[in-house]
Amino acid sequence: MRTVGTVKRDDVGGPPDFEDFYRTEFPSLGRALFLLVPDADEAQELAQEAMVRVYERWDRVSGMASPGGYLYRVATNLNRRRIRSLAVRTRRLRTLGAGLHDVEADPGRHDLVDAISSLSVRLREAFMLVDWLGMSSDEAAHILHITPASVRSRVHRARRELRARLLPEDDDDG
């Protein structure tokens, strides 16, 4: 039976080497997360993020009785945060869907729906994922298969177009 967090200390008796820890723990962490998240890519991303967080605190974590236990706790906390985020997005989608039925009752909402619909598909996708669903540019980039910088650029252009359409500038000179 394998013990979680067993890593070699260096020859002088100092803290364990992070590279050894990584080689020892990463494969089993990835497999364990795959049981929680049945998407191999997402499980790998969670495992990598957990390793990054442990590495950032390695000076403190390496002295713990069970650095591997800490790693698994970080990974499960990241998964919980991911699940909470998905739940919030689902609630927002439900709220948005319920609100769309009331568009005819409020002309302002009708203008907003028209303005958003007038955006190109590329701008609309980025805008909806980031501004309406609250995703980060990294998350939206993963979904849209583009870079985070491209997402930010598209969102910026979408906001600019929406402002121009919904808030026409005054033609006053003074």
N, C-alpha and C. Protein backbone atom coordinates (compact mmCIF):
# COMPACT_ATOMS: atom_id res chain seq x y z
N MET A 1 0.85 -1.19 0.00
CA MET A 1 0.00 0.00 0.00
C MET A 1 0.89 1.23 0.00
N ARG A 2 0.56 2.21 -0.82
CA ARG A 2 1.34 3.42 -0.96
C ARG A 2 0.94 4.43 0.10
N THR A 3 1.90 5.10 0.67
CA THR A 3 1.64 6.13 1.67
C THR A 3 1.62 7.49 0.99
N VAL A 4 0.59 8.25 1.22
CA VAL A 4 0.48 9.57 0.61
C VAL A 4 1.53 10.49 1.21
N GLY A 5 2.28 11.17 0.35
CA GLY A 5 3.20 12.19 0.81
C GLY A 5 4.57 11.69 1.19
N THR A 6 4.92 10.45 0.90
CA THR A 6 6.24 9.96 1.23
C THR A 6 7.20 10.38 0.14
N VAL A 7 8.13 11.27 0.50
CA VAL A 7 9.13 11.73 -0.45
C VAL A 7 10.49 11.66 0.21
N LYS A 8 11.52 11.56 -0.62
CA LYS A 8 12.87 11.45 -0.09
C LYS A 8 13.35 12.81 0.39
N ARG A 9 14.04 12.82 1.52
CA ARG A 9 14.72 14.02 1.98
C ARG A 9 16.09 14.03 1.31
N ASP A 10 16.65 15.23 1.12
CA ASP A 10 17.95 15.24 0.48
C ASP A 10 19.01 14.66 1.42
N ASP A 11 20.21 14.45 0.91
CA ASP A 11 21.25 13.74 1.65
C ASP A 11 21.63 14.42 2.96
N VAL A 12 21.45 15.71 3.07
CA VAL A 12 21.85 16.43 4.27
C VAL A 12 20.75 16.44 5.31
N GLY A 13 19.62 15.85 5.02
CA GLY A 13 18.51 15.81 5.97
C GLY A 13 17.61 17.03 5.86
N GLY A 14 17.75 17.82 4.81
CA GLY A 14 16.94 19.02 4.61
C GLY A 14 15.56 18.66 4.09
N PRO A 15 14.84 19.67 3.66
CA PRO A 15 13.49 19.42 3.16
C PRO A 15 13.52 18.60 1.88
N PRO A 16 12.44 17.89 1.62
CA PRO A 16 12.39 17.08 0.40
C PRO A 16 12.43 17.98 -0.84
N ASP A 17 12.90 17.43 -1.90
CA ASP A 17 12.98 18.14 -3.17
C ASP A 17 11.61 18.13 -3.84
N PHE A 18 11.18 19.30 -4.33
CA PHE A 18 9.86 19.39 -4.96
C PHE A 18 9.77 18.51 -6.19
N GLU A 19 10.85 18.41 -6.96
CA GLU A 19 10.81 17.58 -8.17
C GLU A 19 10.53 16.12 -7.84
N ASP A 20 11.16 15.62 -6.78
CA ASP A 20 10.88 14.24 -6.35
C ASP A 20 9.43 14.10 -5.91
N PHE A 21 8.97 15.09 -5.15
CA PHE A 21 7.58 15.09 -4.69
C PHE A 21 6.63 15.06 -5.88
N TYR A 22 6.91 15.90 -6.87
CA TYR A 22 6.06 15.97 -8.07
C TYR A 22 6.03 14.63 -8.79
N ARG A 23 7.20 14.05 -9.02
CA ARG A 23 7.26 12.76 -9.73
C ARG A 23 6.52 11.66 -8.97
N THR A 24 6.58 11.73 -7.66
CA THR A 24 5.94 10.71 -6.83
C THR A 24 4.42 10.89 -6.79
N GLU A 25 3.97 12.11 -6.62
CA GLU A 25 2.56 12.37 -6.33
C GLU A 25 1.67 12.68 -7.54
N PHE A 26 2.24 13.31 -8.57
CA PHE A 26 1.39 13.80 -9.67
C PHE A 26 0.60 12.69 -10.37
N PRO A 27 1.21 11.57 -10.73
CA PRO A 27 0.43 10.55 -11.44
C PRO A 27 -0.78 10.04 -10.64
N SER A 28 -0.57 9.79 -9.35
CA SER A 28 -1.69 9.28 -8.55
C SER A 28 -2.73 10.37 -8.27
N LEU A 29 -2.27 11.61 -8.15
CA LEU A 29 -3.21 12.71 -7.97
C LEU A 29 -4.11 12.84 -9.21
N GLY A 30 -3.52 12.75 -10.39
CA GLY A 30 -4.30 12.83 -11.62
C GLY A 30 -5.33 11.72 -11.70
N ARG A 31 -4.93 10.51 -11.32
CA ARG A 31 -5.89 9.38 -11.34
C ARG A 31 -7.00 9.60 -10.31
N ALA A 32 -6.64 10.08 -9.13
CA ALA A 32 -7.66 10.31 -8.09
C ALA A 32 -8.65 11.39 -8.52
N LEU A 33 -8.13 12.45 -9.13
CA LEU A 33 -9.02 13.52 -9.57
C LEU A 33 -9.92 13.07 -10.71
N PHE A 34 -9.42 12.15 -11.52
CA PHE A 34 -10.26 11.62 -12.60
C PHE A 34 -11.48 10.91 -12.04
N LEU A 35 -11.37 10.35 -10.84
CA LEU A 35 -12.54 9.73 -10.21
C LEU A 35 -13.56 10.78 -9.76
N LEU A 36 -13.06 12.00 -9.42
CA LEU A 36 -13.96 13.08 -9.02
C LEU A 36 -14.51 13.83 -10.23
N VAL A 37 -13.67 13.98 -11.24
CA VAL A 37 -14.01 14.76 -12.42
C VAL A 37 -13.83 13.85 -13.63
N PRO A 38 -14.88 13.27 -14.14
CA PRO A 38 -14.72 12.28 -15.20
C PRO A 38 -14.34 12.86 -16.57
N ASP A 39 -13.65 13.97 -16.57
CA ASP A 39 -13.09 14.55 -17.78
C ASP A 39 -11.58 14.59 -17.58
N ALA A 40 -10.85 13.83 -18.37
CA ALA A 40 -9.41 13.69 -18.18
C ALA A 40 -8.69 15.03 -18.25
N ASP A 41 -9.08 15.89 -19.17
CA ASP A 41 -8.42 17.19 -19.29
C ASP A 41 -8.65 18.05 -18.06
N GLU A 42 -9.88 18.06 -17.57
CA GLU A 42 -10.19 18.85 -16.38
C GLU A 42 -9.48 18.29 -15.16
N ALA A 43 -9.41 16.98 -15.05
CA ALA A 43 -8.70 16.35 -13.93
C ALA A 43 -7.22 16.73 -13.97
N GLN A 44 -6.62 16.73 -15.16
CA GLN A 44 -5.22 17.12 -15.30
C GLN A 44 -5.02 18.59 -14.93
N GLU A 45 -5.95 19.45 -15.36
CA GLU A 45 -5.84 20.87 -15.02
C GLU A 45 -5.92 21.09 -13.51
N LEU A 46 -6.84 20.38 -12.86
CA LEU A 46 -6.95 20.50 -11.40
C LEU A 46 -5.67 20.00 -10.73
N ALA A 47 -5.13 18.89 -11.21
CA ALA A 47 -3.90 18.35 -10.63
C ALA A 47 -2.74 19.33 -10.81
N GLN A 48 -2.65 19.92 -11.99
CA GLN A 48 -1.58 20.89 -12.24
C GLN A 48 -1.74 22.12 -11.35
N GLU A 49 -2.97 22.62 -11.24
CA GLU A 49 -3.20 23.79 -10.39
C GLU A 49 -2.87 23.48 -8.93
N ALA A 50 -3.23 22.30 -8.46
CA ALA A 50 -2.91 21.92 -7.09
C ALA A 50 -1.40 21.87 -6.89
N MET A 51 -0.68 21.31 -7.85
CA MET A 51 0.78 21.25 -7.75
C MET A 51 1.39 22.65 -7.74
N VAL A 52 0.86 23.54 -8.55
CA VAL A 52 1.37 24.91 -8.57
C VAL A 52 1.19 25.56 -7.21
N ARG A 53 0.03 25.37 -6.62
CA ARG A 53 -0.23 25.98 -5.30
C ARG A 53 0.66 25.39 -4.22
N VAL A 54 0.92 24.10 -4.30
CA VAL A 54 1.83 23.48 -3.33
C VAL A 54 3.25 24.00 -3.56
N TYR A 55 3.64 24.12 -4.81
CA TYR A 55 4.99 24.62 -5.12
C TYR A 55 5.18 26.04 -4.58
N GLU A 56 4.14 26.87 -4.71
CA GLU A 56 4.23 28.25 -4.21
C GLU A 56 4.46 28.30 -2.71
N ARG A 57 4.04 27.27 -1.99
CA ARG A 57 4.17 27.23 -0.53
C ARG A 57 5.14 26.13 -0.09
N TRP A 58 5.99 25.68 -1.01
CA TRP A 58 6.82 24.52 -0.75
C TRP A 58 7.70 24.67 0.48
N ASP A 59 8.18 25.86 0.76
CA ASP A 59 9.03 26.04 1.94
C ASP A 59 8.29 25.66 3.22
N ARG A 60 7.00 25.90 3.26
CA ARG A 60 6.20 25.54 4.43
C ARG A 60 5.66 24.11 4.32
N VAL A 61 5.19 23.74 3.14
CA VAL A 61 4.57 22.42 2.93
C VAL A 61 5.59 21.30 3.10
N SER A 62 6.81 21.52 2.66
CA SER A 62 7.83 20.46 2.71
C SER A 62 8.13 20.02 4.14
N GLY A 63 7.87 20.88 5.10
CA GLY A 63 8.11 20.53 6.49
C GLY A 63 6.93 19.85 7.17
N MET A 64 5.83 19.71 6.47
CA MET A 64 4.64 19.08 7.06
C MET A 64 4.85 17.58 7.19
N ALA A 65 4.09 16.98 8.08
CA ALA A 65 4.16 15.53 8.27
C ALA A 65 3.70 14.80 7.01
N SER A 66 2.74 15.37 6.30
CA SER A 66 2.22 14.72 5.09
C SER A 66 2.00 15.75 3.99
N PRO A 67 3.06 16.10 3.25
CA PRO A 67 2.89 17.04 2.14
C PRO A 67 1.89 16.52 1.11
N GLY A 68 1.84 15.22 0.90
CA GLY A 68 0.88 14.64 -0.04
C GLY A 68 -0.54 14.83 0.42
N GLY A 69 -0.77 14.72 1.71
CA GLY A 69 -2.11 14.96 2.25
C GLY A 69 -2.54 16.40 2.00
N TYR A 70 -1.61 17.32 2.18
CA TYR A 70 -1.90 18.73 1.91
C TYR A 70 -2.23 18.91 0.43
N LEU A 71 -1.47 18.26 -0.45
CA LEU A 71 -1.70 18.33 -1.89
C LEU A 71 -3.12 17.86 -2.23
N TYR A 72 -3.53 16.74 -1.67
CA TYR A 72 -4.87 16.21 -1.97
C TYR A 72 -5.95 17.14 -1.42
N ARG A 73 -5.70 17.76 -0.27
CA ARG A 73 -6.67 18.70 0.28
C ARG A 73 -6.81 19.91 -0.64
N VAL A 74 -5.68 20.42 -1.12
CA VAL A 74 -5.72 21.55 -2.06
C VAL A 74 -6.50 21.15 -3.31
N ALA A 75 -6.24 19.97 -3.84
CA ALA A 75 -6.91 19.52 -5.06
C ALA A 75 -8.42 19.38 -4.86
N THR A 76 -8.83 18.81 -3.74
CA THR A 76 -10.27 18.66 -3.50
C THR A 76 -10.93 20.02 -3.26
N ASN A 77 -10.22 20.95 -2.63
CA ASN A 77 -10.77 22.29 -2.46
C ASN A 77 -10.92 23.00 -3.81
N LEU A 78 -9.96 22.81 -4.69
CA LEU A 78 -10.08 23.39 -6.04
C LEU A 78 -11.28 22.80 -6.77
N ASN A 79 -11.51 21.50 -6.60
CA ASN A 79 -12.67 20.87 -7.24
C ASN A 79 -13.96 21.41 -6.65
N ARG A 80 -14.01 21.61 -5.35
CA ARG A 80 -15.21 22.18 -4.73
C ARG A 80 -15.48 23.58 -5.27
N ARG A 81 -14.43 24.38 -5.41
CA ARG A 81 -14.59 25.73 -5.96
C ARG A 81 -15.12 25.65 -7.39
N ARG A 82 -14.63 24.70 -8.17
CA ARG A 82 -15.08 24.52 -9.55
C ARG A 82 -16.57 24.18 -9.57
N ILE A 83 -17.00 23.30 -8.68
CA ILE A 83 -18.41 22.89 -8.62
C ILE A 83 -19.28 24.08 -8.20
N ARG A 84 -18.83 24.85 -7.21
CA ARG A 84 -19.61 26.03 -6.79
C ARG A 84 -19.74 27.02 -7.94
N SER A 85 -18.66 27.22 -8.68
CA SER A 85 -18.68 28.14 -9.81
C SER A 85 -19.67 27.67 -10.87
N LEU A 86 -19.68 26.37 -11.15
CA LEU A 86 -20.64 25.83 -12.12
C LEU A 86 -22.07 26.02 -11.64
N ALA A 87 -22.29 25.86 -10.33
CA ALA A 87 -23.64 26.04 -9.78
C ALA A 87 -24.10 27.49 -9.93
N VAL A 88 -23.20 28.43 -9.67
CA VAL A 88 -23.54 29.85 -9.81
C VAL A 88 -23.88 30.16 -11.26
N ARG A 89 -23.08 29.63 -12.18
CA ARG A 89 -23.35 29.87 -13.60
C ARG A 89 -24.70 29.29 -14.02
N THR A 90 -25.01 28.11 -13.50
CA THR A 90 -26.29 27.48 -13.82
C THR A 90 -27.45 28.34 -13.33
N ARG A 91 -27.32 28.86 -12.10
CA ARG A 91 -28.38 29.73 -11.57
C ARG A 91 -28.52 30.99 -12.43
N ARG A 92 -27.39 31.56 -12.85
CA ARG A 92 -27.46 32.75 -13.71
C ARG A 92 -28.13 32.44 -15.04
N LEU A 93 -27.83 31.28 -15.60
CA LEU A 93 -28.46 30.89 -16.87
C LEU A 93 -29.96 30.74 -16.69
N ARG A 94 -30.37 30.13 -15.58
CA ARG A 94 -31.81 29.97 -15.33
C ARG A 94 -32.48 31.32 -15.18
N THR A 95 -31.82 32.22 -14.46
CA THR A 95 -32.37 33.57 -14.26
C THR A 95 -32.44 34.30 -15.59
N LEU A 96 -31.40 34.19 -16.39
CA LEU A 96 -31.38 34.82 -17.70
C LEU A 96 -32.49 34.25 -18.57
N GLY A 97 -32.65 32.95 -18.57
CA GLY A 97 -33.69 32.30 -19.38
C GLY A 97 -35.08 32.73 -18.96
N ALA A 98 -35.31 32.85 -17.65
CA ALA A 98 -36.62 33.28 -17.17
C ALA A 98 -36.87 34.73 -17.55
N GLY A 99 -35.82 35.54 -17.52
CA GLY A 99 -35.96 36.96 -17.84
C GLY A 99 -36.22 37.20 -19.31
N LEU A 100 -35.78 36.33 -20.17
CA LEU A 100 -35.97 36.54 -21.60
C LEU A 100 -37.44 36.46 -22.00
N HIS A 101 -38.25 35.77 -21.22
CA HIS A 101 -39.67 35.69 -21.54
C HIS A 101 -40.37 37.02 -21.27
N ASP A 102 -39.77 37.86 -20.43
CA ASP A 102 -40.37 39.14 -20.08
C ASP A 102 -39.90 40.28 -20.96
N VAL A 103 -39.16 39.99 -22.03
CA VAL A 103 -38.59 41.03 -22.88
C VAL A 103 -39.67 41.94 -23.43
N GLU A 104 -40.78 41.37 -23.85
CA GLU A 104 -41.85 42.18 -24.45
C GLU A 104 -42.45 43.15 -23.45
N ALA A 105 -42.40 42.82 -22.16
CA ALA A 105 -43.00 43.67 -21.15
C ALA A 105 -42.15 44.92 -20.90
N ASP A 106 -40.88 44.88 -21.16
CA ASP A 106 -39.99 46.00 -20.87
C ASP A 106 -39.23 46.39 -22.14
N PRO A 107 -39.56 47.54 -22.74
CA PRO A 107 -38.90 47.94 -23.98
C PRO A 107 -37.39 48.10 -23.82
N GLY A 108 -36.92 48.50 -22.65
CA GLY A 108 -35.47 48.64 -22.41
C GLY A 108 -34.76 47.30 -22.56
N ARG A 109 -35.38 46.27 -22.06
CA ARG A 109 -34.80 44.93 -22.19
C ARG A 109 -34.81 44.49 -23.65
N HIS A 110 -35.86 44.87 -24.35
CA HIS A 110 -35.94 44.53 -25.77
C HIS A 110 -34.78 45.17 -26.53
N ASP A 111 -34.46 46.44 -26.19
CA ASP A 111 -33.33 47.13 -26.82
C ASP A 111 -32.02 46.42 -26.50
N LEU A 112 -31.89 45.97 -25.26
CA LEU A 112 -30.67 45.26 -24.86
C LEU A 112 -30.53 43.95 -25.62
N VAL A 113 -31.61 43.19 -25.71
CA VAL A 113 -31.57 41.93 -26.45
C VAL A 113 -31.23 42.17 -27.91
N ASP A 114 -31.83 43.21 -28.50
CA ASP A 114 -31.51 43.55 -29.89
C ASP A 114 -30.05 43.93 -30.05
N ALA A 115 -29.54 44.73 -29.11
CA ALA A 115 -28.15 45.17 -29.20
C ALA A 115 -27.20 43.97 -29.09
N ILE A 116 -27.46 43.09 -28.16
CA ILE A 116 -26.60 41.91 -28.00
C ILE A 116 -26.71 41.02 -29.24
N SER A 117 -27.91 40.89 -29.77
CA SER A 117 -28.11 40.07 -30.96
C SER A 117 -27.40 40.65 -32.18
N SER A 118 -27.18 41.96 -32.18
CA SER A 118 -26.53 42.60 -33.33
C SER A 118 -25.03 42.37 -33.36
N LEU A 119 -24.47 41.91 -32.24
CA LEU A 119 -23.03 41.63 -32.20
C LEU A 119 -22.71 40.43 -33.09
N SER A 120 -21.50 40.40 -33.60
CA SER A 120 -21.08 39.21 -34.35
C SER A 120 -21.06 38.02 -33.38
N VAL A 121 -21.13 36.84 -33.91
CA VAL A 121 -21.16 35.63 -33.07
C VAL A 121 -19.92 35.58 -32.19
N ARG A 122 -18.76 35.90 -32.76
CA ARG A 122 -17.51 35.83 -31.98
C ARG A 122 -17.52 36.79 -30.81
N LEU A 123 -17.98 38.02 -31.03
CA LEU A 123 -18.03 38.99 -29.95
C LEU A 123 -19.10 38.61 -28.93
N ARG A 124 -20.25 38.16 -29.42
CA ARG A 124 -21.36 37.79 -28.54
C ARG A 124 -20.97 36.63 -27.62
N GLU A 125 -20.30 35.61 -28.16
CA GLU A 125 -19.88 34.47 -27.34
C GLU A 125 -18.96 34.91 -26.21
N ALA A 126 -17.95 35.69 -26.55
CA ALA A 126 -17.00 36.13 -25.53
C ALA A 126 -17.70 37.01 -24.49
N PHE A 127 -18.53 37.93 -24.96
CA PHE A 127 -19.24 38.84 -24.06
C PHE A 127 -20.15 38.07 -23.10
N MET A 128 -20.91 37.14 -23.61
CA MET A 128 -21.84 36.38 -22.77
C MET A 128 -21.11 35.53 -21.75
N LEU A 129 -20.03 34.88 -22.17
CA LEU A 129 -19.30 34.03 -21.23
C LEU A 129 -18.66 34.85 -20.11
N VAL A 130 -18.09 35.99 -20.45
CA VAL A 130 -17.38 36.78 -19.44
C VAL A 130 -18.32 37.67 -18.64
N ASP A 131 -19.12 38.48 -19.33
CA ASP A 131 -19.94 39.47 -18.61
C ASP A 131 -21.23 38.91 -18.04
N TRP A 132 -21.87 37.97 -18.71
CA TRP A 132 -23.13 37.47 -18.21
C TRP A 132 -22.98 36.24 -17.35
N LEU A 133 -22.02 35.40 -17.68
CA LEU A 133 -21.85 34.18 -16.89
C LEU A 133 -20.72 34.28 -15.88
N GLY A 134 -19.97 35.35 -15.92
CA GLY A 134 -18.95 35.60 -14.91
C GLY A 134 -17.70 34.75 -15.03
N MET A 135 -17.44 34.22 -16.21
CA MET A 135 -16.22 33.43 -16.39
C MET A 135 -15.02 34.34 -16.50
N SER A 136 -13.86 33.81 -16.15
CA SER A 136 -12.62 34.55 -16.37
C SER A 136 -12.26 34.44 -17.84
N SER A 137 -11.35 35.29 -18.28
CA SER A 137 -10.94 35.22 -19.68
C SER A 137 -10.24 33.89 -19.97
N ASP A 138 -9.57 33.32 -18.96
CA ASP A 138 -8.93 32.01 -19.14
C ASP A 138 -9.97 30.91 -19.36
N GLU A 139 -11.04 30.94 -18.55
CA GLU A 139 -12.09 29.93 -18.69
C GLU A 139 -12.80 30.06 -20.04
N ALA A 140 -13.12 31.29 -20.41
CA ALA A 140 -13.79 31.51 -21.69
C ALA A 140 -12.88 31.11 -22.85
N ALA A 141 -11.59 31.39 -22.72
CA ALA A 141 -10.63 31.02 -23.77
C ALA A 141 -10.60 29.51 -23.96
N HIS A 142 -10.66 28.79 -22.86
CA HIS A 142 -10.66 27.32 -22.93
C HIS A 142 -11.89 26.83 -23.69
N ILE A 143 -13.03 27.42 -23.42
CA ILE A 143 -14.28 27.00 -24.07
C ILE A 143 -14.27 27.38 -25.55
N LEU A 144 -13.79 28.59 -25.86
CA LEU A 144 -13.83 29.08 -27.24
C LEU A 144 -12.61 28.65 -28.06
N HIS A 145 -11.65 28.01 -27.42
CA HIS A 145 -10.43 27.55 -28.10
C HIS A 145 -9.65 28.71 -28.72
N ILE A 146 -9.53 29.80 -27.93
CA ILE A 146 -8.72 30.94 -28.34
C ILE A 146 -7.88 31.36 -27.14
N THR A 147 -7.04 32.35 -27.30
CA THR A 147 -6.20 32.80 -26.19
C THR A 147 -6.99 33.72 -25.26
N PRO A 148 -6.60 33.80 -24.00
CA PRO A 148 -7.27 34.73 -23.07
C PRO A 148 -7.20 36.18 -23.56
N ALA A 149 -6.09 36.56 -24.20
CA ALA A 149 -5.97 37.93 -24.73
C ALA A 149 -7.02 38.18 -25.81
N SER A 150 -7.30 37.18 -26.63
CA SER A 150 -8.33 37.32 -27.67
C SER A 150 -9.71 37.47 -27.03
N VAL A 151 -9.95 36.74 -25.96
CA VAL A 151 -11.24 36.88 -25.25
C VAL A 151 -11.39 38.30 -24.73
N ARG A 152 -10.34 38.81 -24.06
CA ARG A 152 -10.41 40.17 -23.52
C ARG A 152 -10.64 41.20 -24.62
N SER A 153 -9.98 41.00 -25.75
CA SER A 153 -10.14 41.91 -26.89
C SER A 153 -11.58 41.87 -27.41
N ARG A 154 -12.12 40.68 -27.56
CA ARG A 154 -13.50 40.54 -28.06
C ARG A 154 -14.51 41.16 -27.10
N VAL A 155 -14.30 40.94 -25.80
CA VAL A 155 -15.21 41.50 -24.81
C VAL A 155 -15.14 43.02 -24.86
N HIS A 156 -13.94 43.56 -24.98
CA HIS A 156 -13.77 45.01 -25.06
C HIS A 156 -14.51 45.57 -26.28
N ARG A 157 -14.34 44.93 -27.43
CA ARG A 157 -15.01 45.39 -28.65
C ARG A 157 -16.53 45.27 -28.52
N ALA A 158 -16.99 44.18 -27.90
CA ALA A 158 -18.43 44.00 -27.71
C ALA A 158 -19.00 45.10 -26.82
N ARG A 159 -18.32 45.40 -25.73
CA ARG A 159 -18.79 46.47 -24.84
C ARG A 159 -18.83 47.81 -25.56
N ARG A 160 -17.80 48.08 -26.35
CA ARG A 160 -17.75 49.33 -27.11
C ARG A 160 -18.93 49.42 -28.08
N GLU A 161 -19.20 48.34 -28.79
CA GLU A 161 -20.33 48.33 -29.73
C GLU A 161 -21.67 48.48 -29.00
N LEU A 162 -21.81 47.82 -27.87
CA LEU A 162 -23.06 47.92 -27.11
C LEU A 162 -23.25 49.34 -26.56
N ARG A 163 -22.18 49.94 -26.05
CA ARG A 163 -22.28 51.33 -25.57
C ARG A 163 -22.71 52.25 -26.71
N ALA A 164 -22.10 52.08 -27.87
CA ALA A 164 -22.43 52.94 -29.01
C ALA A 164 -23.89 52.78 -29.41
N ARG A 165 -24.39 51.57 -29.32
CA ARG A 165 -25.77 51.32 -29.73
C ARG A 165 -26.78 51.74 -28.66
N LEU A 166 -26.46 51.48 -27.40
CA LEU A 166 -27.43 51.73 -26.32
C LEU A 166 -27.31 53.12 -25.71
N LEU A 167 -26.13 53.72 -25.79
CA LEU A 167 -25.92 55.04 -25.20
C LEU A 167 -25.37 55.99 -26.27
N PRO A 168 -26.23 56.39 -27.21
CA PRO A 168 -25.73 57.27 -28.26
C PRO A 168 -25.19 58.55 -27.66
N GLU A 169 -24.05 58.99 -28.18
CA GLU A 169 -23.43 60.21 -27.65
C GLU A 169 -24.24 61.42 -28.07
N ASP A 170 -24.23 62.41 -27.17
CA ASP A 170 -24.92 63.65 -27.49
C ASP A 170 -24.16 64.38 -28.59
N ASP A 171 -24.88 65.01 -29.48
CA ASP A 171 -24.25 65.76 -30.55
C ASP A 171 -24.03 67.21 -30.16
N ASP A 172 -24.24 67.53 -28.87
CA ASP A 172 -24.05 68.90 -28.40
C ASP A 172 -22.59 69.28 -28.44
N ASP A 173 -22.34 70.54 -28.75
CA ASP A 173 -20.97 71.05 -28.72
C ASP A 173 -20.64 71.64 -27.38
N GLY A 174 -21.54 71.78 -26.52
CA GLY A 174 -21.25 72.45 -25.28
C GLY A 174 -21.85 71.76 -24.17
